[in-house]
Amino acid sequence: MTDAELQTLIEDATFDYTMGDTDAAIAKLNRAVETTPQSFEGWHALAEIHFSLRQFNEALHAAEKAHALRGDDLFINTTLSRIWMEKGDKATAEKYGAQAKILSWKDQLKNPDAHQGGVQ
């Protein structure tokens, strides 16, 4: 699968999800990550959809795959924090939450203008 085909498949799955067709979205995302297991975006989208369906074990599996690919991503750390909180493991949730906060601070230091709230 080419990068463009993968991107289109993930976008189609996202559209399906927003239109309420979660089964089609999950099927497309599963196909995306089966054919391209290094797809951070595919794993993260899959984690978010499973989370929204309160399928926390499936969400955790997908989020851990995404985190293994890009552990320094603010959003996957936030996703993992939310999943662990729902699963009742506050300590692990706080670990990922703290990591997300650190990553956010790093981004603010690198891009202070982007965090000023206005255009300069």
PDB file of N, CA and C in Angstrom:
ATOM      1  N   MET A   1       0.855  -1.172   0.000  1.00  0.00           N
ATOM      2  CA  MET A   1       0.000   0.000   0.000  1.00  0.00           C
ATOM      3  C   MET A   1       0.906   1.241   0.000  1.00  0.00           C
ATOM      4  N   THR A   2       0.617   2.161  -0.895  1.00  0.00           N
ATOM      5  CA  THR A   2       1.414   3.389  -0.960  1.00  0.00           C
ATOM      6  C   THR A   2       1.035   4.309   0.200  1.00  0.00           C
ATOM      7  N   ASP A   3       1.869   5.299   0.458  1.00  0.00           N
ATOM      8  CA  ASP A   3       1.565   6.275   1.504  1.00  0.00           C
ATOM      9  C   ASP A   3       0.251   6.997   1.212  1.00  0.00           C
ATOM     10  N   ALA A   4       0.030   7.326  -0.046  1.00  0.00           N
ATOM     11  CA  ALA A   4      -1.204   8.027  -0.431  1.00  0.00           C
ATOM     12  C   ALA A   4      -2.432   7.133  -0.212  1.00  0.00           C
ATOM     13  N   GLU A   5      -2.313   5.858  -0.568  1.00  0.00           N
ATOM     14  CA  GLU A   5      -3.434   4.923  -0.358  1.00  0.00           C
ATOM     15  C   GLU A   5      -3.712   4.745   1.135  1.00  0.00           C
ATOM     16  N   LEU A   6      -2.656   4.664   1.913  1.00  0.00           N
ATOM     17  CA  LEU A   6      -2.811   4.536   3.364  1.00  0.00           C
ATOM     18  C   LEU A   6      -3.507   5.759   3.935  1.00  0.00           C
ATOM     19  N   GLN A   7      -3.060   6.931   3.534  1.00  0.00           N
ATOM     20  CA  GLN A   7      -3.667   8.177   4.021  1.00  0.00           C
ATOM     21  C   GLN A   7      -5.143   8.243   3.647  1.00  0.00           C
ATOM     22  N   THR A   8      -5.458   7.869   2.414  1.00  0.00           N
ATOM     23  CA  THR A   8      -6.853   7.872   1.965  1.00  0.00           C
ATOM     24  C   THR A   8      -7.693   6.893   2.778  1.00  0.00           C
ATOM     25  N   LEU A   9      -7.146   5.714   3.056  1.00  0.00           N
ATOM     26  CA  LEU A   9      -7.873   4.717   3.834  1.00  0.00           C
ATOM     27  C   LEU A   9      -8.152   5.233   5.252  1.00  0.00           C
ATOM     28  N   ILE A  10      -7.164   5.869   5.869  1.00  0.00           N
ATOM     29  CA  ILE A  10      -7.357   6.417   7.219  1.00  0.00           C
ATOM     30  C   ILE A  10      -8.376   7.550   7.195  1.00  0.00           C
ATOM     31  N   GLU A  11      -8.302   8.399   6.188  1.00  0.00           N
ATOM     32  CA  GLU A  11      -9.275   9.483   6.057  1.00  0.00           C
ATOM     33  C   GLU A  11     -10.683   8.939   5.824  1.00  0.00           C
ATOM     34  N   ASP A  12     -10.810   7.910   5.003  1.00  0.00           N
ATOM     35  CA  ASP A  12     -12.117   7.276   4.772  1.00  0.00           C
ATOM     36  C   ASP A  12     -12.660   6.684   6.070  1.00  0.00           C
ATOM     37  N   ALA A  13     -11.790   6.047   6.834  1.00  0.00           N
ATOM     38  CA  ALA A  13     -12.210   5.462   8.113  1.00  0.00           C
ATOM     39  C   ALA A  13     -12.672   6.553   9.071  1.00  0.00           C
ATOM     40  N   THR A  14     -11.955   7.657   9.089  1.00  0.00           N
ATOM     41  CA  THR A  14     -12.335   8.773   9.949  1.00  0.00           C
ATOM     42  C   THR A  14     -13.698   9.324   9.536  1.00  0.00           C
ATOM     43  N   PHE A  15     -13.916   9.438   8.239  1.00  0.00           N
ATOM     44  CA  PHE A  15     -15.218   9.891   7.748  1.00  0.00           C
ATOM     45  C   PHE A  15     -16.316   8.916   8.160  1.00  0.00           C
ATOM     46  N   ASP A  16     -16.067   7.620   7.971  1.00  0.00           N
ATOM     47  CA  ASP A  16     -17.058   6.613   8.375  1.00  0.00           C
ATOM     48  C   ASP A  16     -17.413   6.780   9.853  1.00  0.00           C
ATOM     49  N   TYR A  17     -16.393   6.962  10.672  1.00  0.00           N
ATOM     50  CA  TYR A  17     -16.626   7.111  12.106  1.00  0.00           C
ATOM     51  C   TYR A  17     -17.481   8.350  12.392  1.00  0.00           C
ATOM     52  N   THR A  18     -17.142   9.467  11.751  1.00  0.00           N
ATOM     53  CA  THR A  18     -17.909  10.691  12.011  1.00  0.00           C
ATOM     54  C   THR A  18     -19.350  10.568  11.530  1.00  0.00           C
ATOM     55  N   MET A  19     -19.579   9.695  10.547  1.00  0.00           N
ATOM     56  CA  MET A  19     -20.934   9.475  10.053  1.00  0.00           C
ATOM     57  C   MET A  19     -21.675   8.395  10.841  1.00  0.00           C
ATOM     58  N   GLY A  20     -21.000   7.839  11.845  1.00  0.00           N
ATOM     59  CA  GLY A  20     -21.649   6.859  12.711  1.00  0.00           C
ATOM     60  C   GLY A  20     -21.450   5.415  12.321  1.00  0.00           C
ATOM     61  N   ASP A  21     -20.659   5.150  11.295  1.00  0.00           N
ATOM     62  CA  ASP A  21     -20.424   3.776  10.856  1.00  0.00           C
ATOM     63  C   ASP A  21     -19.110   3.271  11.457  1.00  0.00           C
ATOM     64  N   THR A  22     -19.165   2.948  12.748  1.00  0.00           N
ATOM     65  CA  THR A  22     -17.947   2.541  13.451  1.00  0.00           C
ATOM     66  C   THR A  22     -17.416   1.204  12.960  1.00  0.00           C
ATOM     67  N   ASP A  23     -18.302   0.310  12.549  1.00  0.00           N
ATOM     68  CA  ASP A  23     -17.836  -0.988  12.051  1.00  0.00           C
ATOM     69  C   ASP A  23     -16.981  -0.817  10.799  1.00  0.00           C
ATOM     70  N   ALA A  24     -17.436   0.013   9.869  1.00  0.00           N
ATOM     71  CA  ALA A  24     -16.662   0.259   8.649  1.00  0.00           C
ATOM     72  C   ALA A  24     -15.347   0.958   8.987  1.00  0.00           C
ATOM     73  N   ALA A  25     -15.393   1.902   9.917  1.00  0.00           N
ATOM     74  CA  ALA A  25     -14.175   2.625  10.307  1.00  0.00           C
ATOM     75  C   ALA A  25     -13.144   1.666  10.896  1.00  0.00           C
ATOM     76  N   ILE A  26     -13.582   0.814  11.798  1.00  0.00           N
ATOM     77  CA  ILE A  26     -12.665  -0.139  12.430  1.00  0.00           C
ATOM     78  C   ILE A  26     -12.122  -1.122  11.398  1.00  0.00           C
ATOM     79  N   ALA A  27     -12.972  -1.585  10.491  1.00  0.00           N
ATOM     80  CA  ALA A  27     -12.515  -2.520   9.458  1.00  0.00           C
ATOM     81  C   ALA A  27     -11.436  -1.874   8.584  1.00  0.00           C
ATOM     82  N   LYS A  28     -11.645  -0.627   8.192  1.00  0.00           N
ATOM     83  CA  LYS A  28     -10.660   0.059   7.350  1.00  0.00           C
ATOM     84  C   LYS A  28      -9.362   0.307   8.106  1.00  0.00           C
ATOM     85  N   LEU A  29      -9.472   0.696   9.356  1.00  0.00           N
ATOM     86  CA  LEU A  29      -8.259   0.941  10.133  1.00  0.00           C
ATOM     87  C   LEU A  29      -7.512  -0.360  10.415  1.00  0.00           C
ATOM     88  N   ASN A  30      -8.251  -1.435  10.663  1.00  0.00           N
ATOM     89  CA  ASN A  30      -7.583  -2.736  10.836  1.00  0.00           C
ATOM     90  C   ASN A  30      -6.830  -3.129   9.566  1.00  0.00           C
ATOM     91  N   ARG A  31      -7.442  -2.880   8.424  1.00  0.00           N
ATOM     92  CA  ARG A  31      -6.765  -3.174   7.155  1.00  0.00           C
ATOM     93  C   ARG A  31      -5.520  -2.302   7.006  1.00  0.00           C
ATOM     94  N   ALA A  32      -5.634  -1.043   7.405  1.00  0.00           N
ATOM     95  CA  ALA A  32      -4.495  -0.119   7.308  1.00  0.00           C
ATOM     96  C   ALA A  32      -3.318  -0.603   8.145  1.00  0.00           C
ATOM     97  N   VAL A  33      -3.587  -0.994   9.386  1.00  0.00           N
ATOM     98  CA  VAL A  33      -2.476  -1.385  10.263  1.00  0.00           C
ATOM     99  C   VAL A  33      -1.983  -2.800   9.977  1.00  0.00           C
ATOM    100  N   GLU A  34      -2.829  -3.627   9.373  1.00  0.00           N
ATOM    101  CA  GLU A  34      -2.368  -4.965   8.976  1.00  0.00           C
ATOM    102  C   GLU A  34      -1.414  -4.870   7.783  1.00  0.00           C
ATOM    103  N   THR A  35      -1.747  -4.000   6.831  1.00  0.00           N
ATOM    104  CA  THR A  35      -0.890  -3.864   5.650  1.00  0.00           C
ATOM    105  C   THR A  35       0.305  -2.954   5.903  1.00  0.00           C
ATOM    106  N   THR A  36       0.148  -2.022   6.835  1.00  0.00           N
ATOM    107  CA  THR A  36       1.224  -1.071   7.147  1.00  0.00           C
ATOM    108  C   THR A  36       1.332  -0.944   8.667  1.00  0.00           C
ATOM    109  N   PRO A  37       1.933  -1.932   9.323  1.00  0.00           N
ATOM    110  CA  PRO A  37       1.977  -1.917  10.791  1.00  0.00           C
ATOM    111  C   PRO A  37       2.773  -0.757  11.386  1.00  0.00           C
ATOM    112  N   GLN A  38       3.548  -0.050  10.576  1.00  0.00           N
ATOM    113  CA  GLN A  38       4.295   1.097  11.073  1.00  0.00           C
ATOM    114  C   GLN A  38       3.497   2.401  10.960  1.00  0.00           C
ATOM    115  N   SER A  39       2.194   2.299  10.699  1.00  0.00           N
ATOM    116  CA  SER A  39       1.346   3.481  10.555  1.00  0.00           C
ATOM    117  C   SER A  39       0.908   4.008  11.921  1.00  0.00           C
ATOM    118  N   PHE A  40       1.633   4.990  12.407  1.00  0.00           N
ATOM    119  CA  PHE A  40       1.268   5.630  13.669  1.00  0.00           C
ATOM    120  C   PHE A  40      -0.160   6.166  13.610  1.00  0.00           C
ATOM    121  N   GLU A  41      -0.487   6.868  12.532  1.00  0.00           N
ATOM    122  CA  GLU A  41      -1.804   7.480  12.406  1.00  0.00           C
ATOM    123  C   GLU A  41      -2.916   6.430  12.428  1.00  0.00           C
ATOM    124  N   GLY A  42      -2.685   5.291  11.772  1.00  0.00           N
ATOM    125  CA  GLY A  42      -3.682   4.221  11.774  1.00  0.00           C
ATOM    126  C   GLY A  42      -3.915   3.663  13.168  1.00  0.00           C
ATOM    127  N   TRP A  43      -2.832   3.381  13.870  1.00  0.00           N
ATOM    128  CA  TRP A  43      -2.958   2.845  15.236  1.00  0.00           C
ATOM    129  C   TRP A  43      -3.616   3.858  16.162  1.00  0.00           C
ATOM    130  N   HIS A  44      -3.229   5.133  16.032  1.00  0.00           N
ATOM    131  CA  HIS A  44      -3.796   6.142  16.926  1.00  0.00           C
ATOM    132  C   HIS A  44      -5.295   6.320  16.666  1.00  0.00           C
ATOM    133  N   ALA A  45      -5.685   6.372  15.400  1.00  0.00           N
ATOM    134  CA  ALA A  45      -7.110   6.490  15.073  1.00  0.00           C
ATOM    135  C   ALA A  45      -7.885   5.286  15.605  1.00  0.00           C
ATOM    136  N   LEU A  46      -7.314   4.108  15.455  1.00  0.00           N
ATOM    137  CA  LEU A  46      -7.954   2.899  15.964  1.00  0.00           C
ATOM    138  C   LEU A  46      -8.116   2.966  17.484  1.00  0.00           C
ATOM    139  N   ALA A  47      -7.097   3.451  18.172  1.00  0.00           N
ATOM    140  CA  ALA A  47      -7.173   3.599  19.632  1.00  0.00           C
ATOM    141  C   ALA A  47      -8.297   4.554  20.019  1.00  0.00           C
ATOM    142  N   GLU A  48      -8.393   5.669  19.320  1.00  0.00           N
ATOM    143  CA  GLU A  48      -9.410   6.666  19.658  1.00  0.00           C
ATOM    144  C   GLU A  48     -10.830   6.146  19.414  1.00  0.00           C
ATOM    145  N   ILE A  49     -11.018   5.412  18.333  1.00  0.00           N
ATOM    146  CA  ILE A  49     -12.359   4.882  18.055  1.00  0.00           C
ATOM    147  C   ILE A  49     -12.736   3.831  19.094  1.00  0.00           C
ATOM    148  N   HIS A  50     -11.822   2.923  19.397  1.00  0.00           N
ATOM    149  CA  HIS A  50     -12.121   1.930  20.436  1.00  0.00           C
ATOM    150  C   HIS A  50     -12.381   2.604  21.776  1.00  0.00           C
ATOM    151  N   PHE A  51     -11.625   3.647  22.092  1.00  0.00           N
ATOM    152  CA  PHE A  51     -11.845   4.377  23.337  1.00  0.00           C
ATOM    153  C   PHE A  51     -13.256   4.956  23.370  1.00  0.00           C
ATOM    154  N   SER A  52     -13.659   5.572  22.253  1.00  0.00           N
ATOM    155  CA  SER A  52     -14.992   6.189  22.213  1.00  0.00           C
ATOM    156  C   SER A  52     -16.104   5.161  22.383  1.00  0.00           C
ATOM    157  N   LEU A  53     -15.817   3.912  22.001  1.00  0.00           N
ATOM    158  CA  LEU A  53     -16.792   2.822  22.153  1.00  0.00           C
ATOM    159  C   LEU A  53     -16.674   2.126  23.514  1.00  0.00           C
ATOM    160  N   ARG A  54     -15.760   2.651  24.336  1.00  0.00           N
ATOM    161  CA  ARG A  54     -15.489   2.106  25.674  1.00  0.00           C
ATOM    162  C   ARG A  54     -14.932   0.684  25.606  1.00  0.00           C
ATOM    163  N   GLN A  55     -14.243   0.387  24.521  1.00  0.00           N
ATOM    164  CA  GLN A  55     -13.544  -0.888  24.335  1.00  0.00           C
ATOM    165  C   GLN A  55     -12.087  -0.654  24.732  1.00  0.00           C
ATOM    166  N   PHE A  56     -11.876  -0.603  26.050  1.00  0.00           N
ATOM    167  CA  PHE A  56     -10.595  -0.122  26.556  1.00  0.00           C
ATOM    168  C   PHE A  56      -9.434  -1.071  26.307  1.00  0.00           C
ATOM    169  N   ASN A  57      -9.661  -2.366  26.306  1.00  0.00           N
ATOM    170  CA  ASN A  57      -8.562  -3.293  26.016  1.00  0.00           C
ATOM    171  C   ASN A  57      -8.077  -3.141  24.573  1.00  0.00           C
ATOM    172  N   GLU A  58      -9.026  -3.027  23.645  1.00  0.00           N
ATOM    173  CA  GLU A  58      -8.669  -2.831  22.246  1.00  0.00           C
ATOM    174  C   GLU A  58      -8.004  -1.472  22.045  1.00  0.00           C
ATOM    175  N   ALA A  59      -8.527  -0.464  22.733  1.00  0.00           N
ATOM    176  CA  ALA A  59      -7.940   0.876  22.649  1.00  0.00           C
ATOM    177  C   ALA A  59      -6.509   0.863  23.167  1.00  0.00           C
ATOM    178  N   LEU A  60      -6.288   0.180  24.267  1.00  0.00           N
ATOM    179  CA  LEU A  60      -4.947   0.113  24.845  1.00  0.00           C
ATOM    180  C   LEU A  60      -3.981  -0.592  23.905  1.00  0.00           C
ATOM    181  N   HIS A  61      -4.420  -1.690  23.312  1.00  0.00           N
ATOM    182  CA  HIS A  61      -3.559  -2.420  22.379  1.00  0.00           C
ATOM    183  C   HIS A  61      -3.121  -1.505  21.231  1.00  0.00           C
ATOM    184  N   ALA A  62      -4.073  -0.812  20.628  1.00  0.00           N
ATOM    185  CA  ALA A  62      -3.759   0.070  19.502  1.00  0.00           C
ATOM    186  C   ALA A  62      -2.892   1.248  19.954  1.00  0.00           C
ATOM    187  N   ALA A  63      -3.192   1.815  21.107  1.00  0.00           N
ATOM    188  CA  ALA A  63      -2.416   2.955  21.605  1.00  0.00           C
ATOM    189  C   ALA A  63      -0.981   2.550  21.913  1.00  0.00           C
ATOM    190  N   GLU A  64      -0.800   1.367  22.460  1.00  0.00           N
ATOM    191  CA  GLU A  64       0.564   0.907  22.744  1.00  0.00           C
ATOM    192  C   GLU A  64       1.350   0.693  21.457  1.00  0.00           C
ATOM    193  N   LYS A  65       0.686   0.213  20.409  1.00  0.00           N
ATOM    194  CA  LYS A  65       1.360   0.065  19.105  1.00  0.00           C
ATOM    195  C   LYS A  65       1.785   1.436  18.572  1.00  0.00           C
ATOM    196  N   ALA A  66       0.882   2.426  18.676  1.00  0.00           N
ATOM    197  CA  ALA A  66       1.211   3.773  18.219  1.00  0.00           C
ATOM    198  C   ALA A  66       2.347   4.365  19.052  1.00  0.00           C
ATOM    199  N   HIS A  67       2.291   4.170  20.350  1.00  0.00           N
ATOM    200  CA  HIS A  67       3.322   4.711  21.240  1.00  0.00           C
ATOM    201  C   HIS A  67       4.682   4.091  20.938  1.00  0.00           C
ATOM    202  N   ALA A  68       4.707   2.811  20.598  1.00  0.00           N
ATOM    203  CA  ALA A  68       5.976   2.157  20.254  1.00  0.00           C
ATOM    204  C   ALA A  68       6.586   2.784  18.996  1.00  0.00           C
ATOM    205  N   LEU A  69       5.741   3.299  18.121  1.00  0.00           N
ATOM    206  CA  LEU A  69       6.213   3.920  16.885  1.00  0.00           C
ATOM    207  C   LEU A  69       6.641   5.369  17.093  1.00  0.00           C
ATOM    208  N   ARG A  70       5.951   6.062  17.998  1.00  0.00           N
ATOM    209  CA  ARG A  70       6.230   7.486  18.193  1.00  0.00           C
ATOM    210  C   ARG A  70       5.941   7.865  19.646  1.00  0.00           C
ATOM    211  N   GLY A  71       6.820   7.421  20.527  1.00  0.00           N
ATOM    212  CA  GLY A  71       6.631   7.629  21.956  1.00  0.00           C
ATOM    213  C   GLY A  71       6.709   9.072  22.404  1.00  0.00           C
ATOM    214  N   ASP A  72       7.245   9.940  21.561  1.00  0.00           N
ATOM    215  CA  ASP A  72       7.373  11.342  21.936  1.00  0.00           C
ATOM    216  C   ASP A  72       6.233  12.200  21.378  1.00  0.00           C
ATOM    217  N   ASP A  73       5.119  11.560  21.035  1.00  0.00           N
ATOM    218  CA  ASP A  73       3.970  12.286  20.519  1.00  0.00           C
ATOM    219  C   ASP A  73       3.058  12.690  21.675  1.00  0.00           C
ATOM    220  N   LEU A  74       2.765  13.959  21.761  1.00  0.00           N
ATOM    221  CA  LEU A  74       1.907  14.495  22.812  1.00  0.00           C
ATOM    222  C   LEU A  74       0.554  13.794  22.850  1.00  0.00           C
ATOM    223  N   PHE A  75      -0.053  13.604  21.694  1.00  0.00           N
ATOM    224  CA  PHE A  75      -1.423  13.107  21.648  1.00  0.00           C
ATOM    225  C   PHE A  75      -1.541  11.628  22.010  1.00  0.00           C
ATOM    226  N   ILE A  76      -0.574  10.810  21.624  1.00  0.00           N
ATOM    227  CA  ILE A  76      -0.673   9.392  21.997  1.00  0.00           C
ATOM    228  C   ILE A  76      -0.446   9.227  23.495  1.00  0.00           C
ATOM    229  N   ASN A  77       0.390  10.067  24.074  1.00  0.00           N
ATOM    230  CA  ASN A  77       0.562  10.015  25.526  1.00  0.00           C
ATOM    231  C   ASN A  77      -0.714  10.437  26.240  1.00  0.00           C
ATOM    232  N   THR A  78      -1.401  11.422  25.693  1.00  0.00           N
ATOM    233  CA  THR A  78      -2.688  11.837  26.256  1.00  0.00           C
ATOM    234  C   THR A  78      -3.717  10.715  26.128  1.00  0.00           C
ATOM    235  N   THR A  79      -3.747  10.077  24.975  1.00  0.00           N
ATOM    236  CA  THR A  79      -4.666   8.957  24.756  1.00  0.00           C
ATOM    237  C   THR A  79      -4.401   7.836  25.756  1.00  0.00           C
ATOM    238  N   LEU A  80      -3.137   7.491  25.930  1.00  0.00           N
ATOM    239  CA  LEU A  80      -2.800   6.435  26.893  1.00  0.00           C
ATOM    240  C   LEU A  80      -3.203   6.834  28.313  1.00  0.00           C
ATOM    241  N   SER A  81      -3.021   8.081  28.668  1.00  0.00           N
ATOM    242  CA  SER A  81      -3.436   8.548  29.987  1.00  0.00           C
ATOM    243  C   SER A  81      -4.941   8.365  30.181  1.00  0.00           C
ATOM    244  N   ARG A  82      -5.714   8.757  29.176  1.00  0.00           N
ATOM    245  CA  ARG A  82      -7.172   8.618  29.260  1.00  0.00           C
ATOM    246  C   ARG A  82      -7.592   7.158  29.357  1.00  0.00           C
ATOM    247  N   ILE A  83      -6.949   6.289  28.583  1.00  0.00           N
ATOM    248  CA  ILE A  83      -7.299   4.861  28.614  1.00  0.00           C
ATOM    249  C   ILE A  83      -7.010   4.283  29.996  1.00  0.00           C
ATOM    250  N   TRP A  84      -5.812   4.535  30.515  1.00  0.00           N
ATOM    251  CA  TRP A  84      -5.449   3.982  31.817  1.00  0.00           C
ATOM    252  C   TRP A  84      -6.346   4.520  32.934  1.00  0.00           C
ATOM    253  N   MET A  85      -6.765   5.773  32.827  1.00  0.00           N
ATOM    254  CA  MET A  85      -7.681   6.311  33.828  1.00  0.00           C
ATOM    255  C   MET A  85      -8.999   5.548  33.793  1.00  0.00           C
ATOM    256  N   GLU A  86      -9.509   5.289  32.604  1.00  0.00           N
ATOM    257  CA  GLU A  86     -10.761   4.539  32.477  1.00  0.00           C
ATOM    258  C   GLU A  86     -10.605   3.096  32.966  1.00  0.00           C
ATOM    259  N   LYS A  87      -9.423   2.539  32.807  1.00  0.00           N
ATOM    260  CA  LYS A  87      -9.180   1.170  33.262  1.00  0.00           C
ATOM    261  C   LYS A  87      -8.917   1.113  34.767  1.00  0.00           C
ATOM    262  N   GLY A  88      -8.840   2.285  35.406  1.00  0.00           N
ATOM    263  CA  GLY A  88      -8.705   2.331  36.851  1.00  0.00           C
ATOM    264  C   GLY A  88      -7.282   2.334  37.378  1.00  0.00           C
ATOM    265  N   ASP A  89      -6.307   2.543  36.503  1.00  0.00           N
ATOM    266  CA  ASP A  89      -4.905   2.577  36.935  1.00  0.00           C
ATOM    267  C   ASP A  89      -4.438   4.026  36.922  1.00  0.00           C
ATOM    268  N   LYS A  90      -4.708   4.712  38.030  1.00  0.00           N
ATOM    269  CA  LYS A  90      -4.421   6.138  38.123  1.00  0.00           C
ATOM    270  C   LYS A  90      -2.923   6.425  38.022  1.00  0.00           C
ATOM    271  N   ALA A  91      -2.091   5.589  38.615  1.00  0.00           N
ATOM    272  CA  ALA A  91      -0.647   5.826  38.587  1.00  0.00           C
ATOM    273  C   ALA A  91      -0.105   5.789  37.156  1.00  0.00           C
ATOM    274  N   THR A  92      -0.528   4.802  36.388  1.00  0.00           N
ATOM    275  CA  THR A  92      -0.068   4.714  35.000  1.00  0.00           C
ATOM    276  C   THR A  92      -0.650   5.861  34.180  1.00  0.00           C
ATOM    277  N   ALA A  93      -1.905   6.207  34.449  1.00  0.00           N
ATOM    278  CA  ALA A  93      -2.529   7.344  33.753  1.00  0.00           C
ATOM    279  C   ALA A  93      -1.747   8.626  34.026  1.00  0.00           C
ATOM    280  N   GLU A  94      -1.354   8.817  35.272  1.00  0.00           N
ATOM    281  CA  GLU A  94      -0.599  10.020  35.620  1.00  0.00           C
ATOM    282  C   GLU A  94       0.777  10.028  34.971  1.00  0.00           C
ATOM    283  N   LYS A  95       1.386   8.857  34.825  1.00  0.00           N
ATOM    284  CA  LYS A  95       2.695   8.774  34.157  1.00  0.00           C
ATOM    285  C   LYS A  95       2.590   9.285  32.725  1.00  0.00           C
ATOM    286  N   TYR A  96       1.588   8.796  31.991  1.00  0.00           N
ATOM    287  CA  TYR A  96       1.416   9.241  30.609  1.00  0.00           C
ATOM    288  C   TYR A  96       0.947  10.694  30.539  1.00  0.00           C
ATOM    289  N   GLY A  97       0.126  11.110  31.494  1.00  0.00           N
ATOM    290  CA  GLY A  97      -0.305  12.500  31.544  1.00  0.00           C
ATOM    291  C   GLY A  97       0.862  13.444  31.771  1.00  0.00           C
ATOM    292  N   ALA A  98       1.769  13.051  32.664  1.00  0.00           N
ATOM    293  CA  ALA A  98       2.956  13.866  32.924  1.00  0.00           C
ATOM    294  C   ALA A  98       3.842  13.935  31.684  1.00  0.00           C
ATOM    295  N   GLN A  99       3.981  12.808  30.993  1.00  0.00           N
ATOM    296  CA  GLN A  99       4.776  12.796  29.773  1.00  0.00           C
ATOM    297  C   GLN A  99       4.163  13.732  28.722  1.00  0.00           C
ATOM    298  N   ALA A 100       2.842  13.718  28.608  1.00  0.00           N
ATOM    299  CA  ALA A 100       2.164  14.605  27.660  1.00  0.00           C
ATOM    300  C   ALA A 100       2.407  16.064  28.030  1.00  0.00           C
ATOM    301  N   LYS A 101       2.359  16.374  29.299  1.00  0.00           N
ATOM    302  CA  LYS A 101       2.591  17.750  29.745  1.00  0.00           C
ATOM    303  C   LYS A 101       4.024  18.190  29.427  1.00  0.00           C
ATOM    304  N   ILE A 102       4.992  17.326  29.667  1.00  0.00           N
ATOM    305  CA  ILE A 102       6.389  17.634  29.345  1.00  0.00           C
ATOM    306  C   ILE A 102       6.550  17.884  27.850  1.00  0.00           C
ATOM    307  N   LEU A 103       5.935  17.032  27.042  1.00  0.00           N
ATOM    308  CA  LEU A 103       6.015  17.208  25.585  1.00  0.00           C
ATOM    309  C   LEU A 103       5.361  18.521  25.157  1.00  0.00           C
ATOM    310  N   SER A 104       4.281  18.902  25.811  1.00  0.00           N
ATOM    311  CA  SER A 104       3.622  20.166  25.509  1.00  0.00           C
ATOM    312  C   SER A 104       4.532  21.341  25.858  1.00  0.00           C
ATOM    313  N   TRP A 105       5.182  21.270  27.002  1.00  0.00           N
ATOM    314  CA  TRP A 105       6.111  22.339  27.403  1.00  0.00           C
ATOM    315  C   TRP A 105       7.265  22.446  26.412  1.00  0.00           C
ATOM    316  N   LYS A 106       7.794  21.299  25.997  1.00  0.00           N
ATOM    317  CA  LYS A 106       8.890  21.312  25.022  1.00  0.00           C
ATOM    318  C   LYS A 106       8.446  21.993  23.734  1.00  0.00           C
ATOM    319  N   ASP A 107       7.236  21.692  23.300  1.00  0.00           N
ATOM    320  CA  ASP A 107       6.720  22.304  22.079  1.00  0.00           C
ATOM    321  C   ASP A 107       6.561  23.813  22.268  1.00  0.00           C
ATOM    322  N   GLN A 108       6.106  24.231  23.431  1.00  0.00           N
ATOM    323  CA  GLN A 108       5.962  25.663  23.705  1.00  0.00           C
ATOM    324  C   GLN A 108       7.307  26.373  23.680  1.00  0.00           C
ATOM    325  N   LEU A 109       8.339  25.703  24.205  1.00  0.00           N
ATOM    326  CA  LEU A 109       9.674  26.310  24.192  1.00  0.00           C
ATOM    327  C   LEU A 109      10.232  26.411  22.776  1.00  0.00           C
ATOM    328  N   LYS A 110       9.955  25.408  21.950  1.00  0.00           N
ATOM    329  CA  LYS A 110      10.449  25.417  20.567  1.00  0.00           C
ATOM    330  C   LYS A 110       9.651  26.390  19.697  1.00  0.00           C
ATOM    331  N   ASN A 111       8.367  26.543  19.974  1.00  0.00           N
ATOM    332  CA  ASN A 111       7.478  27.339  19.131  1.00  0.00           C
ATOM    333  C   ASN A 111       6.699  28.355  19.970  1.00  0.00           C
ATOM    334  N   PRO A 112       7.357  29.295  20.620  1.00  0.00           N
ATOM    335  CA  PRO A 112       6.633  30.211  21.509  1.00  0.00           C
ATOM    336  C   PRO A 112       5.594  31.060  20.788  1.00  0.00           C
ATOM    337  N   ASP A 113       5.853  31.425  19.548  1.00  0.00           N
ATOM    338  CA  ASP A 113       4.883  32.237  18.811  1.00  0.00           C
ATOM    339  C   ASP A 113       3.587  31.493  18.562  1.00  0.00           C
ATOM    340  N   ALA A 114       3.664  30.199  18.385  1.00  0.00           N
ATOM    341  CA  ALA A 114       2.470  29.396  18.122  1.00  0.00           C
ATOM    342  C   ALA A 114       1.579  29.299  19.351  1.00  0.00           C
ATOM    343  N   HIS A 115       2.105  29.619  20.511  1.00  0.00           N
ATOM    344  CA  HIS A 115       1.352  29.479  21.751  1.00  0.00           C
ATOM    345  C   HIS A 115       0.973  30.825  22.363  1.00  0.00           C
ATOM    346  N   GLN A 116       1.118  31.907  21.585  1.00  0.00           N
ATOM    347  CA  GLN A 116       0.804  33.243  22.084  1.00  0.00           C
ATOM    348  C   GLN A 116      -0.684  33.572  21.983  1.00  0.00           C
ATOM    349  N   GLY A 117      -1.413  32.808  21.185  1.00  0.00           N
ATOM    350  CA  GLY A 117      -2.843  33.059  21.051  1.00  0.00           C
ATOM    351  C   GLY A 117      -3.198  34.070  19.966  1.00  0.00           C
ATOM    352  N   GLY A 118      -2.223  34.512  19.237  1.00  0.00           N
ATOM    353  CA  GLY A 118      -2.502  35.464  18.172  1.00  0.00           C
ATOM    354  C   GLY A 118      -1.419  35.441  17.117  1.00  0.00           C
ATOM    355  N   VAL A 119      -1.672  36.148  16.046  1.00  0.00           N
ATOM    356  CA  VAL A 119      -0.713  36.216  14.954  1.00  0.00           C
ATOM    357  C   VAL A 119       0.136  37.459  15.151  1.00  0.00           C
ATOM    358  N   GLN A 120       1.428  37.322  14.907  1.00  0.00           N
ATOM    359  CA  GLN A 120       2.302  38.482  15.050  1.00  0.00           C
ATOM    360  C   GLN A 120       2.778  38.962  13.715  1.00  0.00           C
TER     361      GLN A 120
END
